[in-house]
Amino acid sequence: MLKDLCRAGIDCVSTVPGPEQKMGYKDLVASILAFILAIIIIAIIGKFIWNMVMPQLFTVVRPVQNCGQIIGLLILVSIFR
């Protein structure tokens, strides 16, 4: 998905005249919206799963308060990869 986002961004800044350039902008906006929507869905589902499962399995784990904590956890895990 990130590859498609980058490709759409490159297509938008290229100097292609006509309707092909407008399609590049549409692809870029669609890719950005899809990426944001995917992050939001993952955060909401992650919060639900974390609060329902993790505190019951591990006593040292507390429930998360908001979806931002789940997004931060996703970023931390991706950095450690």
Protein backbone atom coordinates (compact mmCIF):
# COMPACT_ATOMS: atom_id res chain seq x y z
CA MET A 1 0.00 0.00 0.00
CA LEU A 2 2.81 2.40 0.80
CA LYS A 3 4.35 1.60 -2.56
CA ASP A 4 1.11 2.60 -4.29
CA LEU A 5 1.07 5.83 -2.27
CA CYS A 6 4.58 6.71 -3.37
CA ARG A 7 3.84 5.82 -6.99
CA ALA A 8 0.78 8.03 -6.96
CA GLY A 9 2.79 10.89 -5.47
CA ILE A 10 5.43 10.60 -8.15
CA ASP A 11 2.77 10.52 -10.85
CA CYS A 12 1.23 13.71 -9.46
CA VAL A 13 4.40 15.76 -9.56
CA SER A 14 5.41 14.57 -13.00
CA THR A 15 4.79 16.93 -15.87
CA VAL A 16 2.17 14.92 -17.74
CA PRO A 17 -0.42 17.20 -19.31
CA GLY A 18 -4.09 16.31 -19.65
CA PRO A 19 -6.44 13.97 -17.81
CA GLU A 20 -3.69 11.54 -16.85
CA GLN A 21 -2.37 14.08 -14.34
CA LYS A 22 -5.80 14.40 -12.70
CA MET A 23 -5.95 10.63 -12.32
CA GLY A 24 -2.64 10.83 -10.44
CA TYR A 25 -4.16 13.22 -7.94
CA LYS A 26 -7.15 10.94 -7.52
CA ASP A 27 -4.86 7.97 -6.93
CA LEU A 28 -2.84 9.93 -4.36
CA VAL A 29 -5.90 11.07 -2.43
CA ALA A 30 -7.39 7.57 -2.58
CA SER A 31 -4.16 6.04 -1.29
CA ILE A 32 -3.87 8.52 1.58
CA LEU A 33 -7.49 8.00 2.60
CA ALA A 34 -7.12 4.21 2.41
CA PHE A 35 -3.99 4.38 4.56
CA ILE A 36 -5.65 6.58 7.19
CA LEU A 37 -8.77 4.41 7.20
CA ALA A 38 -6.68 1.26 7.62
CA ILE A 39 -4.82 2.79 10.60
CA ILE A 40 -8.10 3.83 12.23
CA ILE A 41 -9.66 0.39 11.77
CA ILE A 42 -6.55 -1.35 13.12
CA ALA A 43 -6.49 1.00 16.13
CA ILE A 44 -10.15 0.42 16.99
CA ILE A 45 -9.94 -3.36 16.59
CA GLY A 46 -6.59 -3.41 18.43
CA LYS A 47 -8.06 -1.47 21.36
CA PHE A 48 -11.01 -3.83 21.57
CA ILE A 49 -8.83 -6.94 21.44
CA TRP A 50 -6.29 -5.50 23.87
CA ASN A 51 -8.91 -4.52 26.45
CA MET A 52 -10.81 -7.80 26.18
CA VAL A 53 -7.95 -10.29 26.05
CA MET A 54 -4.65 -8.98 27.40
CA PRO A 55 -5.69 -7.92 30.95
CA GLN A 56 -7.35 -11.30 31.47
CA LEU A 57 -4.27 -13.24 30.37
CA PHE A 58 -1.54 -11.13 31.96
CA THR A 59 -1.96 -9.39 35.31
CA VAL A 60 0.75 -6.79 34.60
CA VAL A 61 -1.11 -5.41 31.57
CA ARG A 62 -3.63 -2.60 31.99
CA PRO A 63 -6.40 -1.70 29.54
CA VAL A 64 -5.64 1.08 27.07
CA GLN A 65 -7.51 4.37 27.41
CA ASN A 66 -7.65 5.49 23.75
CA CYS A 67 -6.78 4.39 20.24
CA GLY A 68 -3.72 6.65 20.20
CA GLN A 69 -1.97 4.29 22.57
CA ILE A 70 -2.55 1.43 20.16
CA ILE A 71 -1.18 3.51 17.27
CA GLY A 72 1.87 4.33 19.40
CA LEU A 73 2.32 0.63 20.14
CA LEU A 74 2.12 -0.13 16.41
CA ILE A 75 4.81 2.46 15.70
CA LEU A 76 7.03 1.09 18.49
CA VAL A 77 6.71 -2.48 17.20
CA SER A 78 7.47 -1.38 13.64
CA ILE A 79 10.61 0.45 14.85
CA PHE A 80 11.85 -2.68 16.62
CA ARG A 81 11.37 -4.79 13.49
